[in-house]
């Protein structure tokens, strides 16, 4: 199988004014495409891995040959993380259903969860991601450096936020906190609910 750039279900300007169209276009067509291209290039060296989808590659990196393990971790992770992230972007949705119940049960309110997630995302050193995952039946807020993926740690991702500078620099420059604050306006809670319910 050749890995490909997924098409978005919305236009690049669909998230305005919270995430600008030019950032979305560059992020999707340049950054994500590069991860796809470099993942495919790495797998050329090991044709036996071409039958695996990106989830299978990432779920057990110890089975990836040494000479391409770092490339699969970085570029496979970048491909999967972004594919997951794009689905979580949509305006005008709200926390609901079983996920909302779980957030309230664990954090006391959706707002308190958002505060803790925001603090975790804001505090990431350098480039990386912030996640809400399910691990051992319990929700947890975690972060990963670079393009590391929760799948590689046996975690089930529910929400993921890209906090690499390329996700926000055109509009917010170095103000990561402003980007995170605006991102809450485009978090697709409908998709997050699906991610929570369907494991």
Protein backbone atom coordinates (compact mmCIF):
# COMPACT_ATOMS: atom_id res chain seq x y z
CA UNK A 1 0.00 0.00 0.00
CA UNK A 2 1.13 3.52 -0.76
CA UNK A 3 0.23 6.01 1.94
CA UNK A 4 -1.61 9.08 0.66
CA UNK A 5 -2.60 12.52 1.88
CA UNK A 6 -6.23 12.41 3.06
CA UNK A 7 -8.66 14.88 1.58
CA UNK A 8 -10.30 17.29 3.98
CA UNK A 9 -14.08 17.30 4.39
CA UNK A 10 -14.07 21.10 4.43
CA UNK A 11 -12.44 24.03 2.66
CA UNK A 12 -9.27 25.65 3.95
CA UNK A 13 -11.22 28.75 5.00
CA UNK A 14 -13.92 26.78 6.87
CA UNK A 15 -12.31 27.43 10.27
CA UNK A 16 -11.91 31.19 9.88
CA UNK A 17 -11.45 33.36 11.86
CA UNK A 18 -10.02 30.90 14.39
CA UNK A 19 -7.58 29.10 12.10
CA UNK A 20 -6.73 31.00 8.94
CA UNK A 21 -7.04 29.54 5.46
CA UNK A 22 -3.40 30.02 4.48
CA UNK A 23 -2.16 28.16 7.54
CA UNK A 24 -4.56 25.31 6.83
CA UNK A 25 -3.47 25.10 3.21
CA UNK A 26 0.26 25.07 4.00
CA UNK A 27 -0.19 22.73 6.94
CA UNK A 28 -2.14 20.21 4.86
CA UNK A 29 -0.48 20.40 1.45
CA UNK A 30 3.13 20.97 2.56
CA UNK A 31 3.74 19.69 6.08
CA UNK A 32 1.41 16.69 6.05
CA UNK A 33 2.32 15.80 2.46
CA UNK A 34 6.00 15.74 3.44
CA UNK A 35 5.31 13.21 6.21
CA UNK A 36 3.46 11.01 3.72
CA UNK A 37 6.23 11.24 1.13
CA UNK A 38 9.00 10.46 3.61
CA UNK A 39 7.07 7.56 5.13
CA UNK A 40 6.62 6.03 1.68
CA UNK A 41 10.31 6.57 0.90
CA UNK A 42 11.35 4.80 4.11
CA UNK A 43 9.09 1.82 3.38
CA UNK A 44 10.64 1.38 -0.06
CA UNK A 45 13.57 -0.23 1.76
CA UNK A 46 11.31 -2.87 3.30
CA UNK A 47 8.58 -3.93 0.84
CA UNK A 48 7.23 -6.48 3.34
CA UNK A 49 5.88 -3.57 5.41
CA UNK A 50 3.87 -2.13 2.54
CA UNK A 51 0.90 -4.33 3.42
CA UNK A 52 0.54 -2.62 6.80
CA UNK A 53 -1.54 0.49 7.39
CA UNK A 54 -0.05 3.35 9.40
CA UNK A 55 -1.78 2.28 12.63
CA UNK A 56 -0.21 -1.18 12.40
CA UNK A 57 3.21 0.34 11.80
CA UNK A 58 2.95 2.61 14.83
CA UNK A 59 1.37 0.20 17.29
CA UNK A 60 4.55 -1.81 17.67
CA UNK A 61 7.62 0.13 16.62
CA UNK A 62 9.86 -2.62 18.00
CA UNK A 63 8.88 -4.70 14.97
CA UNK A 64 10.06 -2.02 12.54
CA UNK A 65 13.59 -2.66 11.21
CA UNK A 66 16.27 -0.57 12.90
CA UNK A 67 17.31 1.26 9.75
CA UNK A 68 13.86 2.84 9.23
CA UNK A 69 12.39 2.80 12.74
CA UNK A 70 13.11 6.48 13.39
CA UNK A 71 11.68 7.48 10.00
CA UNK A 72 8.51 5.47 10.59
CA UNK A 73 8.18 6.89 14.10
CA UNK A 74 8.60 10.48 12.87
CA UNK A 75 6.90 10.43 9.47
CA UNK A 76 4.38 7.68 10.17
CA UNK A 77 3.53 9.49 13.38
CA UNK A 78 3.24 12.79 11.53
CA UNK A 79 0.94 11.21 8.96
CA UNK A 80 -1.34 9.53 11.50
CA UNK A 81 -1.40 12.45 13.94
CA UNK A 82 -2.39 14.93 11.24
CA UNK A 83 -4.99 12.61 9.70
CA UNK A 84 -6.54 12.35 13.18
CA UNK A 85 -6.25 16.11 13.80
CA UNK A 86 -8.04 17.17 10.60
CA UNK A 87 -11.13 15.19 11.58
CA UNK A 88 -11.27 17.02 14.90
CA UNK A 89 -11.76 20.46 13.36
CA UNK A 90 -15.25 21.90 12.92
CA UNK A 91 -16.99 25.03 14.13
CA UNK A 92 -20.09 25.16 16.30
CA UNK A 93 -20.05 21.82 18.10
CA UNK A 94 -20.31 21.22 21.82
CA UNK A 95 -19.34 18.53 24.30
CA UNK A 96 -22.12 15.96 24.63
CA UNK A 97 -22.95 12.32 25.14
CA UNK A 98 -20.81 9.75 26.89
CA UNK A 99 -17.60 11.76 26.52
CA UNK A 100 -19.11 14.76 28.27
CA UNK A 101 -20.32 12.48 31.07
CA UNK A 102 -16.83 11.02 31.43
CA UNK A 103 -15.16 14.45 31.46
CA UNK A 104 -17.53 15.71 34.14
CA UNK A 105 -17.05 12.55 36.19
CA UNK A 106 -13.27 12.85 36.10
CA UNK A 107 -12.64 16.62 36.12
CA UNK A 108 -15.85 17.98 37.62
CA UNK A 109 -16.82 19.95 34.52
CA UNK A 110 -15.96 20.28 30.84
CA UNK A 111 -14.51 23.72 31.61
CA UNK A 112 -12.15 22.29 34.22
CA UNK A 113 -10.99 19.65 31.74
CA UNK A 114 -10.36 22.41 29.18
CA UNK A 115 -8.31 24.36 31.71
CA UNK A 116 -6.11 21.36 32.46
CA UNK A 117 -5.75 20.41 28.80
CA UNK A 118 -4.84 24.02 27.93
CA UNK A 119 -2.22 24.15 30.68
CA UNK A 120 -0.70 20.88 29.50
CA UNK A 121 -0.63 21.96 25.85
CA UNK A 122 0.78 25.38 26.67
CA UNK A 123 3.54 23.83 28.75
CA UNK A 124 4.96 21.52 26.08
CA UNK A 125 8.61 22.33 25.49
CA UNK A 126 9.39 22.82 21.81
CA UNK A 127 7.27 20.98 19.25
CA UNK A 128 4.72 18.30 19.99
CA UNK A 129 1.13 17.37 20.66
CA UNK A 130 -1.39 17.42 23.49
CA UNK A 131 -3.88 14.57 23.76
CA UNK A 132 -6.87 13.29 25.61
CA UNK A 133 -6.46 9.54 25.62
CA UNK A 134 -8.08 6.51 27.18
CA UNK A 135 -5.59 4.24 28.89
CA UNK A 136 -6.52 1.22 30.98
CA UNK A 137 -10.15 2.34 30.89
CA UNK A 138 -9.41 5.80 32.28
CA UNK A 139 -9.11 9.20 30.60
CA UNK A 140 -5.80 11.03 30.77
CA UNK A 141 -4.30 14.23 29.40
CA UNK A 142 -0.87 13.46 27.94
CA UNK A 143 1.65 15.15 25.69
CA UNK A 144 4.06 13.74 23.13
CA UNK A 145 7.20 15.32 21.70
CA UNK A 146 7.73 15.85 18.00
CA UNK A 147 5.43 13.49 16.01
CA UNK A 148 5.30 10.70 18.56
CA UNK A 149 1.91 8.99 18.54
CA UNK A 150 -0.17 7.69 21.47
CA UNK A 151 -0.80 4.49 19.51
CA UNK A 152 2.85 3.59 20.06
CA UNK A 153 2.23 3.67 23.83
CA UNK A 154 -0.90 1.54 23.71
CA UNK A 155 -3.15 4.54 24.31
CA UNK A 156 -6.50 5.22 22.60
CA UNK A 157 -6.56 8.86 21.36
CA UNK A 158 -9.78 10.85 21.66
CA UNK A 159 -8.65 14.45 21.13
CA UNK A 160 -5.34 15.60 19.67
CA UNK A 161 -3.95 19.12 19.33
CA UNK A 162 -0.99 19.97 17.10
CA UNK A 163 1.19 22.47 18.91
CA UNK A 164 4.03 22.66 16.42
CA UNK A 165 4.61 26.29 15.43
CA UNK A 166 3.65 25.52 11.83
CA UNK A 167 0.07 25.02 13.08
CA UNK A 168 -0.30 28.63 14.17
CA UNK A 169 2.70 30.81 13.37
CA UNK A 170 1.26 32.78 10.44
CA UNK A 171 -1.55 34.16 12.57
CA UNK A 172 -0.28 34.00 16.13
CA UNK A 173 3.53 34.14 15.72
CA UNK A 174 4.96 32.86 19.02
CA UNK A 175 1.71 33.20 20.99
CA UNK A 176 0.85 29.54 21.44
CA UNK A 177 -1.66 30.33 24.20
CA UNK A 178 -3.72 32.46 21.79
CA UNK A 179 -3.82 29.62 19.26
CA UNK A 180 -4.93 27.10 21.87
CA UNK A 181 -7.66 29.45 23.12
CA UNK A 182 -9.03 29.88 19.60
CA UNK A 183 -8.72 26.16 18.80
CA UNK A 184 -11.41 25.36 21.38
CA UNK A 185 -13.83 27.16 19.02
CA UNK A 186 -13.13 24.62 16.27
CA UNK A 187 -12.77 21.41 18.25
CA UNK A 188 -15.15 18.93 16.64
CA UNK A 189 -16.82 17.49 19.72
CA UNK A 190 -18.96 15.24 17.50
CA UNK A 191 -15.83 13.49 16.26
CA UNK A 192 -14.36 13.40 19.76
CA UNK A 193 -17.51 11.62 20.94
CA UNK A 194 -17.10 9.06 18.14
CA UNK A 195 -13.46 8.54 19.07
CA UNK A 196 -14.46 7.96 22.68
CA UNK A 197 -17.33 5.58 22.01
CA UNK A 198 -15.70 3.52 19.22
CA UNK A 199 -12.49 1.85 20.24
